[in-house]
Amino acid sequence: MFSVSRWRVALLWVLVLISAIAVGLVSHLSRQQYAQLMILEREANQLDEVYGKYLLEQSAWGSLQRVETMAVQQLNMHSPRSSEILMVKSQ
């Protein structure tokens, strides 16, 4: 029948085939994960862009010039005159 060396060679061939299948599977999974990473990075870049636009809009709406203009126009507010300022001392 088979000698011990032939069994070893057959076993080695089986192990080589299993190793080759494992390499193919890991390569496939690695490509899938890399593709998912690229999708997530693209989404992150889009979110960064939207966040930057939001910050610009927020700074425009909250600028001191705009707040002062709105206070004067809508609330009839004004800066106090020197005669309207009252100094309070604390003890």
PDB file of N, CA and C in Angstrom:
ATOM      1  N   MET A   1       0.820  -1.174   0.000  1.00  0.00           N
ATOM      2  CA  MET A   1       0.000   0.000   0.000  1.00  0.00           C
ATOM      3  C   MET A   1       0.873   1.250   0.000  1.00  0.00           C
ATOM      4  N   PHE A   2       0.418   2.233   0.807  1.00  0.00           N
ATOM      5  CA  PHE A   2       1.176   3.490   0.889  1.00  0.00           C
ATOM      6  C   PHE A   2       2.237   3.359   1.963  1.00  0.00           C
ATOM      7  N   SER A   3       3.383   3.911   1.663  1.00  0.00           N
ATOM      8  CA  SER A   3       4.412   3.969   2.704  1.00  0.00           C
ATOM      9  C   SER A   3       4.209   5.252   3.512  1.00  0.00           C
ATOM     10  N   VAL A   4       4.946   5.361   4.575  1.00  0.00           N
ATOM     11  CA  VAL A   4       4.812   6.519   5.465  1.00  0.00           C
ATOM     12  C   VAL A   4       5.153   7.799   4.723  1.00  0.00           C
ATOM     13  N   SER A   5       6.130   7.789   3.873  1.00  0.00           N
ATOM     14  CA  SER A   5       6.525   9.007   3.154  1.00  0.00           C
ATOM     15  C   SER A   5       5.427   9.454   2.191  1.00  0.00           C
ATOM     16  N   ARG A   6       4.689   8.519   1.591  1.00  0.00           N
ATOM     17  CA  ARG A   6       3.592   8.892   0.690  1.00  0.00           C
ATOM     18  C   ARG A   6       2.449   9.518   1.476  1.00  0.00           C
ATOM     19  N   TRP A   7       2.199   9.036   2.677  1.00  0.00           N
ATOM     20  CA  TRP A   7       1.168   9.650   3.531  1.00  0.00           C
ATOM     21  C   TRP A   7       1.559  11.067   3.899  1.00  0.00           C
ATOM     22  N   ARG A   8       2.822  11.224   4.178  1.00  0.00           N
ATOM     23  CA  ARG A   8       3.296  12.570   4.524  1.00  0.00           C
ATOM     24  C   ARG A   8       3.136  13.515   3.334  1.00  0.00           C
ATOM     25  N   VAL A   9       3.481  13.047   2.149  1.00  0.00           N
ATOM     26  CA  VAL A   9       3.341  13.880   0.950  1.00  0.00           C
ATOM     27  C   VAL A   9       1.868  14.198   0.707  1.00  0.00           C
ATOM     28  N   ALA A  10       0.988  13.217   0.856  1.00  0.00           N
ATOM     29  CA  ALA A  10      -0.441  13.449   0.676  1.00  0.00           C
ATOM     30  C   ALA A  10      -0.957  14.444   1.715  1.00  0.00           C
ATOM     31  N   LEU A  11      -0.520  14.293   2.936  1.00  0.00           N
ATOM     32  CA  LEU A  11      -0.921  15.223   3.995  1.00  0.00           C
ATOM     33  C   LEU A  11      -0.420  16.630   3.695  1.00  0.00           C
ATOM     34  N   LEU A  12       0.816  16.740   3.241  1.00  0.00           N
ATOM     35  CA  LEU A  12       1.356  18.049   2.882  1.00  0.00           C
ATOM     36  C   LEU A  12       0.548  18.686   1.750  1.00  0.00           C
ATOM     37  N   TRP A  13       0.141  17.916   0.753  1.00  0.00           N
ATOM     38  CA  TRP A  13      -0.666  18.449  -0.350  1.00  0.00           C
ATOM     39  C   TRP A  13      -2.019  18.950   0.158  1.00  0.00           C
ATOM     40  N   VAL A  14      -2.612  18.204   1.054  1.00  0.00           N
ATOM     41  CA  VAL A  14      -3.889  18.642   1.626  1.00  0.00           C
ATOM     42  C   VAL A  14      -3.694  19.947   2.390  1.00  0.00           C
ATOM     43  N   LEU A  15      -2.633  20.022   3.171  1.00  0.00           N
ATOM     44  CA  LEU A  15      -2.353  21.245   3.916  1.00  0.00           C
ATOM     45  C   LEU A  15      -2.059  22.421   2.982  1.00  0.00           C
ATOM     46  N   VAL A  16      -1.361  22.190   1.908  1.00  0.00           N
ATOM     47  CA  VAL A  16      -1.086  23.252   0.918  1.00  0.00           C
ATOM     48  C   VAL A  16      -2.387  23.737   0.299  1.00  0.00           C
ATOM     49  N   LEU A  17      -3.282  22.817  -0.051  1.00  0.00           N
ATOM     50  CA  LEU A  17      -4.570  23.212  -0.628  1.00  0.00           C
ATOM     51  C   LEU A  17      -5.409  24.014   0.368  1.00  0.00           C
ATOM     52  N   ILE A  18      -5.436  23.573   1.615  1.00  0.00           N
ATOM     53  CA  ILE A  18      -6.169  24.313   2.644  1.00  0.00           C
ATOM     54  C   ILE A  18      -5.573  25.710   2.815  1.00  0.00           C
ATOM     55  N   SER A  19      -4.252  25.803   2.812  1.00  0.00           N
ATOM     56  CA  SER A  19      -3.575  27.088   2.945  1.00  0.00           C
ATOM     57  C   SER A  19      -3.906  28.003   1.758  1.00  0.00           C
ATOM     58  N   ALA A  20      -3.933  27.449   0.556  1.00  0.00           N
ATOM     59  CA  ALA A  20      -4.243  28.245  -0.631  1.00  0.00           C
ATOM     60  C   ALA A  20      -5.672  28.778  -0.573  1.00  0.00           C
ATOM     61  N   ILE A  21      -6.603  27.938  -0.150  1.00  0.00           N
ATOM     62  CA  ILE A  21      -8.002  28.372  -0.018  1.00  0.00           C
ATOM     63  C   ILE A  21      -8.111  29.459   1.048  1.00  0.00           C
ATOM     64  N   ALA A  22      -7.384  29.305   2.142  1.00  0.00           N
ATOM     65  CA  ALA A  22      -7.410  30.302   3.217  1.00  0.00           C
ATOM     66  C   ALA A  22      -6.849  31.632   2.732  1.00  0.00           C
ATOM     67  N   VAL A  23      -5.774  31.601   1.955  1.00  0.00           N
ATOM     68  CA  VAL A  23      -5.188  32.836   1.415  1.00  0.00           C
ATOM     69  C   VAL A  23      -6.184  33.540   0.499  1.00  0.00           C
ATOM     70  N   GLY A  24      -6.852  32.783  -0.348  1.00  0.00           N
ATOM     71  CA  GLY A  24      -7.858  33.379  -1.231  1.00  0.00           C
ATOM     72  C   GLY A  24      -8.998  34.000  -0.448  1.00  0.00           C
ATOM     73  N   LEU A  25      -9.470  33.308   0.578  1.00  0.00           N
ATOM     74  CA  LEU A  25     -10.563  33.821   1.393  1.00  0.00           C
ATOM     75  C   LEU A  25     -10.163  35.090   2.127  1.00  0.00           C
ATOM     76  N   VAL A  26      -8.976  35.090   2.714  1.00  0.00           N
ATOM     77  CA  VAL A  26      -8.511  36.268   3.452  1.00  0.00           C
ATOM     78  C   VAL A  26      -8.311  37.446   2.497  1.00  0.00           C
ATOM     79  N   SER A  27      -7.811  37.193   1.299  1.00  0.00           N
ATOM     80  CA  SER A  27      -7.652  38.266   0.314  1.00  0.00           C
ATOM     81  C   SER A  27      -9.005  38.864  -0.053  1.00  0.00           C
ATOM     82  N   HIS A  28      -9.982  38.018  -0.257  1.00  0.00           N
ATOM     83  CA  HIS A  28     -11.335  38.481  -0.586  1.00  0.00           C
ATOM     84  C   HIS A  28     -11.909  39.322   0.548  1.00  0.00           C
ATOM     85  N   LEU A  29     -11.810  38.837   1.774  1.00  0.00           N
ATOM     86  CA  LEU A  29     -12.324  39.580   2.923  1.00  0.00           C
ATOM     87  C   LEU A  29     -11.596  40.907   3.102  1.00  0.00           C
ATOM     88  N   SER A  30     -10.294  40.900   2.850  1.00  0.00           N
ATOM     89  CA  SER A  30      -9.509  42.126   2.958  1.00  0.00           C
ATOM     90  C   SER A  30      -9.980  43.162   1.935  1.00  0.00           C
ATOM     91  N   ARG A  31     -10.240  42.748   0.715  1.00  0.00           N
ATOM     92  CA  ARG A  31     -10.748  43.669  -0.319  1.00  0.00           C
ATOM     93  C   ARG A  31     -12.116  44.220   0.056  1.00  0.00           C
ATOM     94  N   GLN A  32     -12.967  43.374   0.612  1.00  0.00           N
ATOM     95  CA  GLN A  32     -14.287  43.843   1.040  1.00  0.00           C
ATOM     96  C   GLN A  32     -14.161  44.894   2.141  1.00  0.00           C
ATOM     97  N   GLN A  33     -13.306  44.634   3.117  1.00  0.00           N
ATOM     98  CA  GLN A  33     -13.121  45.578   4.216  1.00  0.00           C
ATOM     99  C   GLN A  33     -12.519  46.894   3.716  1.00  0.00           C
ATOM    100  N   TYR A  34     -11.595  46.806   2.759  1.00  0.00           N
ATOM    101  CA  TYR A  34     -10.981  48.013   2.203  1.00  0.00           C
ATOM    102  C   TYR A  34     -12.022  48.838   1.448  1.00  0.00           C
ATOM    103  N   ALA A  35     -12.885  48.177   0.697  1.00  0.00           N
ATOM    104  CA  ALA A  35     -13.953  48.887  -0.012  1.00  0.00           C
ATOM    105  C   ALA A  35     -14.884  49.573   0.987  1.00  0.00           C
ATOM    106  N   GLN A  36     -15.215  48.905   2.076  1.00  0.00           N
ATOM    107  CA  GLN A  36     -16.053  49.506   3.116  1.00  0.00           C
ATOM    108  C   GLN A  36     -15.351  50.709   3.744  1.00  0.00           C
ATOM    109  N   LEU A  37     -14.057  50.600   3.969  1.00  0.00           N
ATOM    110  CA  LEU A  37     -13.276  51.708   4.506  1.00  0.00           C
ATOM    111  C   LEU A  37     -13.327  52.913   3.576  1.00  0.00           C
ATOM    112  N   MET A  38     -13.196  52.687   2.281  1.00  0.00           N
ATOM    113  CA  MET A  38     -13.251  53.784   1.317  1.00  0.00           C
ATOM    114  C   MET A  38     -14.619  54.468   1.343  1.00  0.00           C
ATOM    115  N   ILE A  39     -15.675  53.697   1.467  1.00  0.00           N
ATOM    116  CA  ILE A  39     -17.030  54.269   1.542  1.00  0.00           C
ATOM    117  C   ILE A  39     -17.159  55.128   2.797  1.00  0.00           C
ATOM    118  N   LEU A  40     -16.676  54.633   3.919  1.00  0.00           N
ATOM    119  CA  LEU A  40     -16.774  55.376   5.176  1.00  0.00           C
ATOM    120  C   LEU A  40     -15.912  56.639   5.141  1.00  0.00           C
ATOM    121  N   GLU A  41     -14.750  56.566   4.517  1.00  0.00           N
ATOM    122  CA  GLU A  41     -13.908  57.759   4.405  1.00  0.00           C
ATOM    123  C   GLU A  41     -14.570  58.813   3.516  1.00  0.00           C
ATOM    124  N   ARG A  42     -15.235  58.378   2.449  1.00  0.00           N
ATOM    125  CA  ARG A  42     -15.955  59.308   1.581  1.00  0.00           C
ATOM    126  C   ARG A  42     -17.083  59.992   2.365  1.00  0.00           C
ATOM    127  N   GLU A  43     -17.802  59.210   3.157  1.00  0.00           N
ATOM    128  CA  GLU A  43     -18.868  59.785   3.997  1.00  0.00           C
ATOM    129  C   GLU A  43     -18.294  60.769   5.007  1.00  0.00           C
ATOM    130  N   ALA A  44     -17.167  60.428   5.608  1.00  0.00           N
ATOM    131  CA  ALA A  44     -16.537  61.320   6.585  1.00  0.00           C
ATOM    132  C   ALA A  44     -16.138  62.636   5.928  1.00  0.00           C
ATOM    133  N   ASN A  45     -15.602  62.573   4.724  1.00  0.00           N
ATOM    134  CA  ASN A  45     -15.228  63.798   4.010  1.00  0.00           C
ATOM    135  C   ASN A  45     -16.451  64.650   3.703  1.00  0.00           C
ATOM    136  N   GLN A  46     -17.550  64.019   3.315  1.00  0.00           N
ATOM    137  CA  GLN A  46     -18.774  64.766   3.042  1.00  0.00           C
ATOM    138  C   GLN A  46     -19.305  65.412   4.318  1.00  0.00           C
ATOM    139  N   LEU A  47     -19.246  64.686   5.429  1.00  0.00           N
ATOM    140  CA  LEU A  47     -19.699  65.249   6.698  1.00  0.00           C
ATOM    141  C   LEU A  47     -18.809  66.408   7.143  1.00  0.00           C
ATOM    142  N   ASP A  48     -17.509  66.298   6.907  1.00  0.00           N
ATOM    143  CA  ASP A  48     -16.606  67.405   7.230  1.00  0.00           C
ATOM    144  C   ASP A  48     -16.952  68.648   6.416  1.00  0.00           C
ATOM    145  N   GLU A  49     -17.295  68.442   5.153  1.00  0.00           N
ATOM    146  CA  GLU A  49     -17.675  69.559   4.290  1.00  0.00           C
ATOM    147  C   GLU A  49     -18.959  70.225   4.791  1.00  0.00           C
ATOM    148  N   VAL A  50     -19.945  69.415   5.139  1.00  0.00           N
ATOM    149  CA  VAL A  50     -21.208  69.948   5.655  1.00  0.00           C
ATOM    150  C   VAL A  50     -20.963  70.676   6.975  1.00  0.00           C
ATOM    151  N   TYR A  51     -20.126  70.125   7.835  1.00  0.00           N
ATOM    152  CA  TYR A  51     -19.832  70.745   9.126  1.00  0.00           C
ATOM    153  C   TYR A  51     -19.138  72.098   8.923  1.00  0.00           C
ATOM    154  N   GLY A  52     -18.222  72.172   7.968  1.00  0.00           N
ATOM    155  CA  GLY A  52     -17.555  73.439   7.662  1.00  0.00           C
ATOM    156  C   GLY A  52     -18.547  74.495   7.203  1.00  0.00           C
ATOM    157  N   LYS A  53     -19.488  74.087   6.356  1.00  0.00           N
ATOM    158  CA  LYS A  53     -20.525  75.024   5.908  1.00  0.00           C
ATOM    159  C   LYS A  53     -21.387  75.466   7.083  1.00  0.00           C
ATOM    160  N   TYR A  54     -21.697  74.539   7.967  1.00  0.00           N
ATOM    161  CA  TYR A  54     -22.491  74.869   9.149  1.00  0.00           C
ATOM    162  C   TYR A  54     -21.762  75.885  10.021  1.00  0.00           C
ATOM    163  N   LEU A  55     -20.463  75.698  10.221  1.00  0.00           N
ATOM    164  CA  LEU A  55     -19.702  76.635  11.036  1.00  0.00           C
ATOM    165  C   LEU A  55     -19.680  78.023  10.415  1.00  0.00           C
ATOM    166  N   LEU A  56     -19.549  78.086   9.089  1.00  0.00           N
ATOM    167  CA  LEU A  56     -19.585  79.381   8.412  1.00  0.00           C
ATOM    168  C   LEU A  56     -20.936  80.055   8.595  1.00  0.00           C
ATOM    169  N   GLU A  57     -21.997  79.281   8.441  1.00  0.00           N
ATOM    170  CA  GLU A  57     -23.339  79.837   8.606  1.00  0.00           C
ATOM    171  C   GLU A  57     -23.559  80.298  10.045  1.00  0.00           C
ATOM    172  N   GLN A  58     -23.105  79.512  10.987  1.00  0.00           N
ATOM    173  CA  GLN A  58     -23.259  79.863  12.397  1.00  0.00           C
ATOM    174  C   GLN A  58     -22.507  81.154  12.718  1.00  0.00           C
ATOM    175  N   SER A  59     -21.305  81.295  12.192  1.00  0.00           N
ATOM    176  CA  SER A  59     -20.548  82.512  12.473  1.00  0.00           C
ATOM    177  C   SER A  59     -21.188  83.723  11.809  1.00  0.00           C
ATOM    178  N   ALA A  60     -21.805  83.517  10.642  1.00  0.00           N
ATOM    179  CA  ALA A  60     -22.482  84.634   9.978  1.00  0.00           C
ATOM    180  C   ALA A  60     -23.709  85.067  10.766  1.00  0.00           C
ATOM    181  N   TRP A  61     -24.496  84.112  11.235  1.00  0.00           N
ATOM    182  CA  TRP A  61     -25.707  84.451  11.998  1.00  0.00           C
ATOM    183  C   TRP A  61     -25.381  85.021  13.363  1.00  0.00           C
ATOM    184  N   GLY A  62     -24.275  84.664  13.929  1.00  0.00           N
ATOM    185  CA  GLY A  62     -23.940  85.110  15.272  1.00  0.00           C
ATOM    186  C   GLY A  62     -22.933  86.247  15.318  1.00  0.00           C
ATOM    187  N   SER A  63     -22.639  86.860  14.175  1.00  0.00           N
ATOM    188  CA  SER A  63     -21.656  87.948  14.177  1.00  0.00           C
ATOM    189  C   SER A  63     -22.172  89.128  14.985  1.00  0.00           C
ATOM    190  N   LEU A  64     -21.242  89.822  15.619  1.00  0.00           N
ATOM    191  CA  LEU A  64     -21.618  90.957  16.461  1.00  0.00           C
ATOM    192  C   LEU A  64     -22.333  92.036  15.665  1.00  0.00           C
ATOM    193  N   GLN A  65     -21.882  92.276  14.443  1.00  0.00           N
ATOM    194  CA  GLN A  65     -22.518  93.296  13.597  1.00  0.00           C
ATOM    195  C   GLN A  65     -23.979  92.949  13.344  1.00  0.00           C
ATOM    196  N   ARG A  66     -24.245  91.693  13.036  1.00  0.00           N
ATOM    197  CA  ARG A  66     -25.627  91.277  12.764  1.00  0.00           C
ATOM    198  C   ARG A  66     -26.485  91.371  14.023  1.00  0.00           C
ATOM    199  N   VAL A  67     -25.951  90.942  15.157  1.00  0.00           N
ATOM    200  CA  VAL A  67     -26.705  90.994  16.410  1.00  0.00           C
ATOM    201  C   VAL A  67     -27.031  92.442  16.755  1.00  0.00           C
ATOM    202  N   GLU A  68     -26.060  93.318  16.602  1.00  0.00           N
ATOM    203  CA  GLU A  68     -26.287  94.732  16.905  1.00  0.00           C
ATOM    204  C   GLU A  68     -27.328  95.334  15.970  1.00  0.00           C
ATOM    205  N   THR A  69     -27.244  95.020  14.686  1.00  0.00           N
ATOM    206  CA  THR A  69     -28.215  95.529  13.718  1.00  0.00           C
ATOM    207  C   THR A  69     -29.618  95.039  14.053  1.00  0.00           C
ATOM    208  N   MET A  70     -29.751  93.760  14.382  1.00  0.00           N
ATOM    209  CA  MET A  70     -31.064  93.214  14.724  1.00  0.00           C
ATOM    210  C   MET A  70     -31.608  93.850  16.003  1.00  0.00           C
ATOM    211  N   ALA A  71     -30.729  94.100  16.989  1.00  0.00           N
ATOM    212  CA  ALA A  71     -31.166  94.713  18.242  1.00  0.00           C
ATOM    213  C   ALA A  71     -31.700  96.122  17.996  1.00  0.00           C
ATOM    214  N   VAL A  72     -31.032  96.869  17.136  1.00  0.00           N
ATOM    215  CA  VAL A  72     -31.474  98.235  16.843  1.00  0.00           C
ATOM    216  C   VAL A  72     -32.758  98.220  16.039  1.00  0.00           C
ATOM    217  N   GLN A  73     -32.828  97.384  15.005  1.00  0.00           N
ATOM    218  CA  GLN A  73     -33.979  97.394  14.107  1.00  0.00           C
ATOM    219  C   GLN A  73     -35.227  96.775  14.735  1.00  0.00           C
ATOM    220  N   GLN A  74     -35.096  95.637  15.369  1.00  0.00           N
ATOM    221  CA  GLN A  74     -36.284  94.910  15.825  1.00  0.00           C
ATOM    222  C   GLN A  74     -36.659  95.223  17.269  1.00  0.00           C
ATOM    223  N   LEU A  75     -35.668  95.549  18.109  1.00  0.00           N
ATOM    224  CA  LEU A  75     -35.963  95.751  19.527  1.00  0.00           C
ATOM    225  C   LEU A  75     -35.809  97.211  19.960  1.00  0.00           C
ATOM    226  N   ASN A  76     -35.449  98.068  19.012  1.00  0.00           N
ATOM    227  CA  ASN A  76     -35.249  99.495  19.287  1.00  0.00           C
ATOM    228  C   ASN A  76     -34.258  99.724  20.424  1.00  0.00           C
ATOM    229  N   MET A  77     -33.228  98.941  20.454  1.00  0.00           N
ATOM    230  CA  MET A  77     -32.198  99.077  21.482  1.00  0.00           C
ATOM    231  C   MET A  77     -31.132 100.058  21.002  1.00  0.00           C
ATOM    232  N   HIS A  78     -30.395 100.630  21.931  1.00  0.00           N
ATOM    233  CA  HIS A  78     -29.299 101.531  21.599  1.00  0.00           C
ATOM    234  C   HIS A  78     -28.237 101.445  22.690  1.00  0.00           C
ATOM    235  N   SER A  79     -27.057 101.922  22.360  1.00  0.00           N
ATOM    236  CA  SER A  79     -25.991 101.964  23.369  1.00  0.00           C
ATOM    237  C   SER A  79     -26.345 103.045  24.380  1.00  0.00           C
ATOM    238  N   PRO A  80     -26.080 102.818  25.648  1.00  0.00           N
ATOM    239  CA  PRO A  80     -26.452 103.823  26.658  1.00  0.00           C
ATOM    240  C   PRO A  80     -25.578 105.078  26.548  1.00  0.00           C
ATOM    241  N   ARG A  81     -26.219 106.228  26.788  1.00  0.00           N
ATOM    242  CA  ARG A  81     -25.474 107.485  26.837  1.00  0.00           C
ATOM    243  C   ARG A  81     -24.779 107.552  28.196  1.00  0.00           C
ATOM    244  N   SER A  82     -23.843 108.422  28.309  1.00  0.00           N
ATOM    245  CA  SER A  82     -23.115 108.533  29.577  1.00  0.00           C
ATOM    246  C   SER A  82     -24.045 108.941  30.718  1.00  0.00           C
ATOM    247  N   SER A  83     -25.092 109.704  30.419  1.00  0.00           N
ATOM    248  CA  SER A  83     -26.028 110.100  31.468  1.00  0.00           C
ATOM    249  C   SER A  83     -26.900 108.930  31.931  1.00  0.00           C
ATOM    250  N   GLU A  84     -26.968 107.861  31.136  1.00  0.00           N
ATOM    251  CA  GLU A  84     -27.797 106.705  31.490  1.00  0.00           C
ATOM    252  C   GLU A  84     -27.021 105.623  32.248  1.00  0.00           C
ATOM    253  N   ILE A  85     -25.728 105.818  32.387  1.00  0.00           N
ATOM    254  CA  ILE A  85     -24.905 104.818  33.052  1.00  0.00           C
ATOM    255  C   ILE A  85     -24.885 105.101  34.545  1.00  0.00           C
ATOM    256  N   LEU A  86     -25.141 104.102  35.324  1.00  0.00           N
ATOM    257  CA  LEU A  86     -25.165 104.227  36.785  1.00  0.00           C
ATOM    258  C   LEU A  86     -24.105 103.303  37.365  1.00  0.00           C
ATOM    259  N   MET A  87     -23.221 103.834  38.165  1.00  0.00           N
ATOM    260  CA  MET A  87     -22.172 103.048  38.784  1.00  0.00           C
ATOM    261  C   MET A  87     -22.654 102.541  40.136  1.00  0.00           C
ATOM    262  N   VAL A  88     -22.507 101.273  40.395  1.00  0.00           N
ATOM    263  CA  VAL A  88     -22.929 100.676  41.656  1.00  0.00           C
ATOM    264  C   VAL A  88     -21.692 100.113  42.339  1.00  0.00           C
ATOM    265  N   LYS A  89     -21.515 100.490  43.589  1.00  0.00           N
ATOM    266  CA  LYS A  89     -20.371  99.985  44.349  1.00  0.00           C
ATOM    267  C   LYS A  89     -20.846  98.852  45.241  1.00  0.00           C
ATOM    268  N   SER A  90     -20.064  97.822  45.323  1.00  0.00           N
ATOM    269  CA  SER A  90     -20.392  96.731  46.230  1.00  0.00           C
ATOM    270  C   SER A  90     -19.558  96.886  47.489  1.00  0.00           C
ATOM    271  N   GLN A  91     -20.099  96.404  48.602  1.00  0.00           N
ATOM    272  CA  GLN A  91     -19.394  96.565  49.882  1.00  0.00           C
ATOM    273  C   GLN A  91     -18.528  95.405  50.204  1.00  0.00           C
TER     274      GLN A  91
END
